[in-house]
Amino acid sequence: MGAMKIFLVLLLIAAMIATVVALVRGIVTFLRTSEAELKGEGGPAASSLKSNKMMQQRIIFQGIAIAIVALILLLASGS
């Protein structure tokens, strides 16, 4: 059972790192968006779509991290 907890902790760390990377990439993409792109007519700019996709990935990675924490807590309470 100890090896399982170590594996879950490593997965949790990987999910947390992925969350931070997606967050930083989304913010950097958003900051690179020019004012002309924000005021552009005819739909969202490509950079806006990329920033939105990065933020969606961040939410997915956060959800995975929360699920792993819940699983770790469930395993710890069962011991």
PDB file of N, CA and C in Angstrom:
ATOM      1  N   MET A   1       0.828  -1.202   0.000  1.00  0.00           N
ATOM      2  CA  MET A   1       0.000   0.000   0.000  1.00  0.00           C
ATOM      3  C   MET A   1       0.867   1.258   0.000  1.00  0.00           C
ATOM      4  N   GLY A   2       2.072   1.200   0.579  1.00  0.00           N
ATOM      5  CA  GLY A   2       2.963   2.349   0.623  1.00  0.00           C
ATOM      6  C   GLY A   2       3.399   2.785  -0.765  1.00  0.00           C
ATOM      7  N   ALA A   3       3.637   1.813  -1.649  1.00  0.00           N
ATOM      8  CA  ALA A   3       4.045   2.139  -3.014  1.00  0.00           C
ATOM      9  C   ALA A   3       2.924   2.862  -3.757  1.00  0.00           C
ATOM     10  N   MET A   4       1.690   2.495  -3.459  1.00  0.00           N
ATOM     11  CA  MET A   4       0.539   3.152  -4.098  1.00  0.00           C
ATOM     12  C   MET A   4       0.457   4.622  -3.678  1.00  0.00           C
ATOM     13  N   LYS A   5       0.686   4.887  -2.401  1.00  0.00           N
ATOM     14  CA  LYS A   5       0.639   6.272  -1.929  1.00  0.00           C
ATOM     15  C   LYS A   5       1.758   7.098  -2.544  1.00  0.00           C
ATOM     16  N   ILE A   6       2.943   6.508  -2.657  1.00  0.00           N
ATOM     17  CA  ILE A   6       4.057   7.223  -3.288  1.00  0.00           C
ATOM     18  C   ILE A   6       3.721   7.527  -4.745  1.00  0.00           C
ATOM     19  N   PHE A   7       3.153   6.563  -5.435  1.00  0.00           N
ATOM     20  CA  PHE A   7       2.748   6.763  -6.826  1.00  0.00           C
ATOM     21  C   PHE A   7       1.719   7.882  -6.937  1.00  0.00           C
ATOM     22  N   LEU A   8       0.738   7.898  -6.036  1.00  0.00           N
ATOM     23  CA  LEU A   8      -0.290   8.939  -6.068  1.00  0.00           C
ATOM     24  C   LEU A   8       0.291  10.313  -5.762  1.00  0.00           C
ATOM     25  N   VAL A   9       1.244  10.373  -4.831  1.00  0.00           N
ATOM     26  CA  VAL A   9       1.884  11.653  -4.521  1.00  0.00           C
ATOM     27  C   VAL A   9       2.669  12.160  -5.733  1.00  0.00           C
ATOM     28  N   LEU A  10       3.360  11.258  -6.427  1.00  0.00           N
ATOM     29  CA  LEU A  10       4.076  11.662  -7.638  1.00  0.00           C
ATOM     30  C   LEU A  10       3.105  12.137  -8.720  1.00  0.00           C
ATOM     31  N   LEU A  11       1.979  11.449  -8.855  1.00  0.00           N
ATOM     32  CA  LEU A  11       0.956  11.898  -9.806  1.00  0.00           C
ATOM     33  C   LEU A  11       0.408  13.271  -9.421  1.00  0.00           C
ATOM     34  N   LEU A  12       0.209  13.476  -8.124  1.00  0.00           N
ATOM     35  CA  LEU A  12      -0.283  14.761  -7.638  1.00  0.00           C
ATOM     36  C   LEU A  12       0.712  15.873  -7.968  1.00  0.00           C
ATOM     37  N   ILE A  13       1.990  15.629  -7.735  1.00  0.00           N
ATOM     38  CA  ILE A  13       3.003  16.635  -8.047  1.00  0.00           C
ATOM     39  C   ILE A  13       3.006  16.938  -9.547  1.00  0.00           C
ATOM     40  N   ALA A  14       2.903  15.904 -10.370  1.00  0.00           N
ATOM     41  CA  ALA A  14       2.854  16.103 -11.825  1.00  0.00           C
ATOM     42  C   ALA A  14       1.630  16.919 -12.226  1.00  0.00           C
ATOM     43  N   ALA A  15       0.479  16.642 -11.614  1.00  0.00           N
ATOM     44  CA  ALA A  15      -0.746  17.394 -11.925  1.00  0.00           C
ATOM     45  C   ALA A  15      -0.615  18.847 -11.485  1.00  0.00           C
ATOM     46  N   MET A  16       0.028  19.078 -10.349  1.00  0.00           N
ATOM     47  CA  MET A  16       0.208  20.456  -9.874  1.00  0.00           C
ATOM     48  C   MET A  16       1.157  21.222 -10.789  1.00  0.00           C
ATOM     49  N   ILE A  17       2.221  20.572 -11.235  1.00  0.00           N
ATOM     50  CA  ILE A  17       3.154  21.225 -12.159  1.00  0.00           C
ATOM     51  C   ILE A  17       2.448  21.534 -13.478  1.00  0.00           C
ATOM     52  N   ALA A  18       1.666  20.586 -13.983  1.00  0.00           N
ATOM     53  CA  ALA A  18       0.925  20.805 -15.232  1.00  0.00           C
ATOM     54  C   ALA A  18      -0.057  21.965 -15.080  1.00  0.00           C
ATOM     55  N   THR A  19      -0.679  22.097 -13.908  1.00  0.00           N
ATOM     56  CA  THR A  19      -1.600  23.202 -13.649  1.00  0.00           C
ATOM     57  C   THR A  19      -0.875  24.533 -13.729  1.00  0.00           C
ATOM     58  N   VAL A  20       0.278  24.619 -13.080  1.00  0.00           N
ATOM     59  CA  VAL A  20       1.043  25.873 -13.083  1.00  0.00           C
ATOM     60  C   VAL A  20       1.530  26.210 -14.488  1.00  0.00           C
ATOM     61  N   VAL A  21       1.998  25.209 -15.224  1.00  0.00           N
ATOM     62  CA  VAL A  21       2.475  25.447 -16.595  1.00  0.00           C
ATOM     63  C   VAL A  21       1.332  25.957 -17.478  1.00  0.00           C
ATOM     64  N   ALA A  22       0.169  25.334 -17.378  1.00  0.00           N
ATOM     65  CA  ALA A  22      -0.981  25.782 -18.183  1.00  0.00           C
ATOM     66  C   ALA A  22      -1.398  27.194 -17.786  1.00  0.00           C
ATOM     67  N   LEU A  23      -1.350  27.501 -16.491  1.00  0.00           N
ATOM     68  CA  LEU A  23      -1.705  28.837 -16.020  1.00  0.00           C
ATOM     69  C   LEU A  23      -0.742  29.878 -16.574  1.00  0.00           C
ATOM     70  N   VAL A  24       0.550  29.621 -16.469  1.00  0.00           N
ATOM     71  CA  VAL A  24       1.557  30.575 -16.944  1.00  0.00           C
ATOM     72  C   VAL A  24       1.446  30.755 -18.455  1.00  0.00           C
ATOM     73  N   ARG A  25       1.283  29.656 -19.186  1.00  0.00           N
ATOM     74  CA  ARG A  25       1.149  29.768 -20.648  1.00  0.00           C
ATOM     75  C   ARG A  25      -0.088  30.584 -21.031  1.00  0.00           C
ATOM     76  N   GLY A  26      -1.181  30.377 -20.317  1.00  0.00           N
ATOM     77  CA  GLY A  26      -2.401  31.138 -20.596  1.00  0.00           C
ATOM     78  C   GLY A  26      -2.231  32.611 -20.312  1.00  0.00           C
ATOM     79  N   ILE A  27      -1.573  32.926 -19.205  1.00  0.00           N
ATOM     80  CA  ILE A  27      -1.354  34.330 -18.854  1.00  0.00           C
ATOM     81  C   ILE A  27      -0.404  34.998 -19.852  1.00  0.00           C
ATOM     82  N   VAL A  28       0.666  34.306 -20.219  1.00  0.00           N
ATOM     83  CA  VAL A  28       1.614  34.870 -21.188  1.00  0.00           C
ATOM     84  C   VAL A  28       0.922  35.124 -22.520  1.00  0.00           C
ATOM     85  N   THR A  29       0.128  34.180 -22.967  1.00  0.00           N
ATOM     86  CA  THR A  29      -0.602  34.362 -24.232  1.00  0.00           C
ATOM     87  C   THR A  29      -1.561  35.539 -24.129  1.00  0.00           C
ATOM     88  N   PHE A  30      -2.239  35.661 -22.984  1.00  0.00           N
ATOM     89  CA  PHE A  30      -3.169  36.775 -22.790  1.00  0.00           C
ATOM     90  C   PHE A  30      -2.423  38.105 -22.801  1.00  0.00           C
ATOM     91  N   LEU A  31      -1.266  38.157 -22.142  1.00  0.00           N
ATOM     92  CA  LEU A  31      -0.513  39.410 -22.081  1.00  0.00           C
ATOM     93  C   LEU A  31       0.048  39.809 -23.441  1.00  0.00           C
ATOM     94  N   ARG A  32       0.279  38.844 -24.318  1.00  0.00           N
ATOM     95  CA  ARG A  32       0.794  39.141 -25.659  1.00  0.00           C
ATOM     96  C   ARG A  32      -0.308  39.603 -26.609  1.00  0.00           C
ATOM     97  N   THR A  33      -1.541  39.495 -26.198  1.00  0.00           N
ATOM     98  CA  THR A  33      -2.656  39.915 -27.036  1.00  0.00           C
ATOM     99  C   THR A  33      -2.643  41.433 -27.149  1.00  0.00           C
ATOM    100  N   SER A  34      -2.626  41.923 -28.352  1.00  0.00           N
ATOM    101  CA  SER A  34      -2.585  43.371 -28.563  1.00  0.00           C
ATOM    102  C   SER A  34      -3.979  43.973 -28.418  1.00  0.00           C
ATOM    103  N   GLU A  35      -4.002  45.271 -28.227  1.00  0.00           N
ATOM    104  CA  GLU A  35      -5.281  45.977 -28.095  1.00  0.00           C
ATOM    105  C   GLU A  35      -6.094  45.868 -29.384  1.00  0.00           C
ATOM    106  N   ALA A  36      -5.412  45.856 -30.526  1.00  0.00           N
ATOM    107  CA  ALA A  36      -6.106  45.734 -31.811  1.00  0.00           C
ATOM    108  C   ALA A  36      -6.824  44.396 -31.913  1.00  0.00           C
ATOM    109  N   GLU A  37      -6.188  43.334 -31.398  1.00  0.00           N
ATOM    110  CA  GLU A  37      -6.828  42.016 -31.424  1.00  0.00           C
ATOM    111  C   GLU A  37      -8.050  41.985 -30.519  1.00  0.00           C
ATOM    112  N   LEU A  38      -7.954  42.678 -29.377  1.00  0.00           N
ATOM    113  CA  LEU A  38      -9.080  42.688 -28.446  1.00  0.00           C
ATOM    114  C   LEU A  38     -10.277  43.445 -29.015  1.00  0.00           C
ATOM    115  N   LYS A  39     -10.011  44.486 -29.820  1.00  0.00           N
ATOM    116  CA  LYS A  39     -11.090  45.292 -30.397  1.00  0.00           C
ATOM    117  C   LYS A  39     -11.516  44.789 -31.772  1.00  0.00           C
ATOM    118  N   GLY A  40     -10.847  43.742 -32.251  1.00  0.00           N
ATOM    119  CA  GLY A  40     -11.080  43.244 -33.604  1.00  0.00           C
ATOM    120  C   GLY A  40     -12.516  42.801 -33.847  1.00  0.00           C
ATOM    121  N   GLU A  41     -12.939  43.036 -35.050  1.00  0.00           N
ATOM    122  CA  GLU A  41     -14.281  42.622 -35.483  1.00  0.00           C
ATOM    123  C   GLU A  41     -14.186  41.241 -36.124  1.00  0.00           C
ATOM    124  N   GLY A  42     -15.278  40.546 -36.181  1.00  0.00           N
ATOM    125  CA  GLY A  42     -15.313  39.276 -36.898  1.00  0.00           C
ATOM    126  C   GLY A  42     -14.914  38.078 -36.064  1.00  0.00           C
ATOM    127  N   GLY A  43     -15.129  38.136 -34.784  1.00  0.00           N
ATOM    128  CA  GLY A  43     -14.857  36.964 -33.955  1.00  0.00           C
ATOM    129  C   GLY A  43     -13.569  37.095 -33.167  1.00  0.00           C
ATOM    130  N   PRO A  44     -13.342  36.125 -32.318  1.00  0.00           N
ATOM    131  CA  PRO A  44     -12.166  36.182 -31.448  1.00  0.00           C
ATOM    132  C   PRO A  44     -10.866  35.960 -32.214  1.00  0.00           C
ATOM    133  N   ALA A  45      -9.808  36.570 -31.716  1.00  0.00           N
ATOM    134  CA  ALA A  45      -8.483  36.418 -32.326  1.00  0.00           C
ATOM    135  C   ALA A  45      -7.904  35.056 -31.968  1.00  0.00           C
ATOM    136  N   ALA A  46      -6.921  34.626 -32.747  1.00  0.00           N
ATOM    137  CA  ALA A  46      -6.286  33.333 -32.509  1.00  0.00           C
ATOM    138  C   ALA A  46      -5.625  33.282 -31.135  1.00  0.00           C
ATOM    139  N   SER A  47      -5.013  34.403 -30.712  1.00  0.00           N
ATOM    140  CA  SER A  47      -4.359  34.420 -29.406  1.00  0.00           C
ATOM    141  C   SER A  47      -5.377  34.311 -28.277  1.00  0.00           C
ATOM    142  N   SER A  48      -6.541  34.879 -28.466  1.00  0.00           N
ATOM    143  CA  SER A  48      -7.602  34.766 -27.459  1.00  0.00           C
ATOM    144  C   SER A  48      -8.077  33.325 -27.337  1.00  0.00           C
ATOM    145  N   LEU A  49      -8.208  32.663 -28.469  1.00  0.00           N
ATOM    146  CA  LEU A  49      -8.622  31.262 -28.453  1.00  0.00           C
ATOM    147  C   LEU A  49      -7.565  30.385 -27.775  1.00  0.00           C
ATOM    148  N   LYS A  50      -6.282  30.681 -28.035  1.00  0.00           N
ATOM    149  CA  LYS A  50      -5.202  29.919 -27.414  1.00  0.00           C
ATOM    150  C   LYS A  50      -5.184  30.149 -25.911  1.00  0.00           C
ATOM    151  N   SER A  51      -5.360  31.390 -25.481  1.00  0.00           N
ATOM    152  CA  SER A  51      -5.396  31.704 -24.049  1.00  0.00           C
ATOM    153  C   SER A  51      -6.551  30.984 -23.372  1.00  0.00           C
ATOM    154  N   ASN A  52      -7.694  30.971 -24.029  1.00  0.00           N
ATOM    155  CA  ASN A  52      -8.866  30.291 -23.494  1.00  0.00           C
ATOM    156  C   ASN A  52      -8.607  28.788 -23.364  1.00  0.00           C
ATOM    157  N   LYS A  53      -7.948  28.203 -24.365  1.00  0.00           N
ATOM    158  CA  LYS A  53      -7.640  26.774 -24.331  1.00  0.00           C
ATOM    159  C   LYS A  53      -6.686  26.451 -23.174  1.00  0.00           C
ATOM    160  N   MET A  54      -5.694  27.317 -22.953  1.00  0.00           N
ATOM    161  CA  MET A  54      -4.756  27.105 -21.839  1.00  0.00           C
ATOM    162  C   MET A  54      -5.484  27.151 -20.500  1.00  0.00           C
ATOM    163  N   MET A  55      -6.419  28.054 -20.362  1.00  0.00           N
ATOM    164  CA  MET A  55      -7.160  28.164 -19.107  1.00  0.00           C
ATOM    165  C   MET A  55      -8.085  26.941 -18.915  1.00  0.00           C
ATOM    166  N   GLN A  56      -8.628  26.419 -19.995  1.00  0.00           N
ATOM    167  CA  GLN A  56      -9.429  25.198 -19.893  1.00  0.00           C
ATOM    168  C   GLN A  56      -8.562  24.022 -19.462  1.00  0.00           C
ATOM    169  N   GLN A  57      -7.344  23.948 -19.991  1.00  0.00           N
ATOM    170  CA  GLN A  57      -6.433  22.888 -19.581  1.00  0.00           C
ATOM    171  C   GLN A  57      -6.081  23.023 -18.101  1.00  0.00           C
ATOM    172  N   ARG A  58      -5.911  24.257 -17.641  1.00  0.00           N
ATOM    173  CA  ARG A  58      -5.610  24.488 -16.228  1.00  0.00           C
ATOM    174  C   ARG A  58      -6.726  23.946 -15.352  1.00  0.00           C
ATOM    175  N   ILE A  59      -7.950  24.177 -15.741  1.00  0.00           N
ATOM    176  CA  ILE A  59      -9.088  23.688 -14.966  1.00  0.00           C
ATOM    177  C   ILE A  59      -9.112  22.160 -14.946  1.00  0.00           C
ATOM    178  N   ILE A  60      -8.818  21.537 -16.067  1.00  0.00           N
ATOM    179  CA  ILE A  60      -8.773  20.069 -16.126  1.00  0.00           C
ATOM    180  C   ILE A  60      -7.687  19.531 -15.204  1.00  0.00           C
ATOM    181  N   PHE A  61      -6.487  20.124 -15.267  1.00  0.00           N
ATOM    182  CA  PHE A  61      -5.391  19.668 -14.413  1.00  0.00           C
ATOM    183  C   PHE A  61      -5.706  19.891 -12.934  1.00  0.00           C
ATOM    184  N   GLN A  62      -6.372  20.990 -12.616  1.00  0.00           N
ATOM    185  CA  GLN A  62      -6.780  21.225 -11.227  1.00  0.00           C
ATOM    186  C   GLN A  62      -7.761  20.158 -10.767  1.00  0.00           C
ATOM    187  N   GLY A  63      -8.691  19.805 -11.620  1.00  0.00           N
ATOM    188  CA  GLY A  63      -9.651  18.759 -11.274  1.00  0.00           C
ATOM    189  C   GLY A  63      -8.972  17.425 -11.031  1.00  0.00           C
ATOM    190  N   ILE A  64      -7.994  17.108 -11.861  1.00  0.00           N
ATOM    191  CA  ILE A  64      -7.240  15.866 -11.676  1.00  0.00           C
ATOM    192  C   ILE A  64      -6.495  15.897 -10.348  1.00  0.00           C
ATOM    193  N   ALA A  65      -5.866  17.029 -10.036  1.00  0.00           N
ATOM    194  CA  ALA A  65      -5.134  17.154  -8.772  1.00  0.00           C
ATOM    195  C   ALA A  65      -6.072  16.998  -7.575  1.00  0.00           C
ATOM    196  N   ILE A  66      -7.247  17.577  -7.640  1.00  0.00           N
ATOM    197  CA  ILE A  66      -8.216  17.456  -6.548  1.00  0.00           C
ATOM    198  C   ILE A  66      -8.670  16.009  -6.391  1.00  0.00           C
ATOM    199  N   ALA A  67      -8.897  15.330  -7.513  1.00  0.00           N
ATOM    200  CA  ALA A  67      -9.303  13.921  -7.446  1.00  0.00           C
ATOM    201  C   ALA A  67      -8.206  13.064  -6.812  1.00  0.00           C
ATOM    202  N   ILE A  68      -6.950  13.351  -7.142  1.00  0.00           N
ATOM    203  CA  ILE A  68      -5.844  12.595  -6.556  1.00  0.00           C
ATOM    204  C   ILE A  68      -5.755  12.854  -5.056  1.00  0.00           C
ATOM    205  N   VAL A  69      -5.914  14.109  -4.643  1.00  0.00           N
ATOM    206  CA  VAL A  69      -5.901  14.429  -3.208  1.00  0.00           C
ATOM    207  C   VAL A  69      -7.019  13.679  -2.501  1.00  0.00           C
ATOM    208  N   ALA A  70      -8.206  13.662  -3.092  1.00  0.00           N
ATOM    209  CA  ALA A  70      -9.323  12.944  -2.488  1.00  0.00           C
ATOM    210  C   ALA A  70      -9.005  11.455  -2.364  1.00  0.00           C
ATOM    211  N   LEU A  71      -8.389  10.881  -3.371  1.00  0.00           N
ATOM    212  CA  LEU A  71      -8.018   9.463  -3.333  1.00  0.00           C
ATOM    213  C   LEU A  71      -6.963   9.197  -2.253  1.00  0.00           C
ATOM    214  N   ILE A  72      -5.982  10.085  -2.138  1.00  0.00           N
ATOM    215  CA  ILE A  72      -4.973   9.941  -1.092  1.00  0.00           C
ATOM    216  C   ILE A  72      -5.621  10.001   0.290  1.00  0.00           C
ATOM    217  N   LEU A  73      -6.522  10.964   0.472  1.00  0.00           N
ATOM    218  CA  LEU A  73      -7.214  11.081   1.764  1.00  0.00           C
ATOM    219  C   LEU A  73      -8.072   9.858   2.044  1.00  0.00           C
ATOM    220  N   LEU A  74      -8.708   9.318   1.018  1.00  0.00           N
ATOM    221  CA  LEU A  74      -9.533   8.131   1.185  1.00  0.00           C
ATOM    222  C   LEU A  74      -8.671   6.938   1.596  1.00  0.00           C
ATOM    223  N   LEU A  75      -7.524   6.787   0.952  1.00  0.00           N
ATOM    224  CA  LEU A  75      -6.615   5.707   1.310  1.00  0.00           C
ATOM    225  C   LEU A  75      -6.055   5.890   2.715  1.00  0.00           C
ATOM    226  N   ALA A  76      -5.763   7.132   3.095  1.00  0.00           N
ATOM    227  CA  ALA A  76      -5.211   7.396   4.428  1.00  0.00           C
ATOM    228  C   ALA A  76      -6.230   7.133   5.528  1.00  0.00           C
ATOM    229  N   SER A  77      -7.488   7.424   5.253  1.00  0.00           N
ATOM    230  CA  SER A  77      -8.527   7.202   6.280  1.00  0.00           C
ATOM    231  C   SER A  77      -8.840   5.724   6.431  1.00  0.00           C
ATOM    232  N   GLY A  78      -8.594   4.940   5.391  1.00  0.00           N
ATOM    233  CA  GLY A  78      -8.842   3.504   5.443  1.00  0.00           C
ATOM    234  C   GLY A  78      -7.760   2.731   6.168  1.00  0.00           C
ATOM    235  N   SER A  79      -6.608   3.351   6.372  1.00  0.00           N
ATOM    236  CA  SER A  79      -5.457   2.679   7.023  1.00  0.00           C
ATOM    237  C   SER A  79      -5.616   2.618   8.514  1.00  0.00           C
TER     238      SER A  79
END
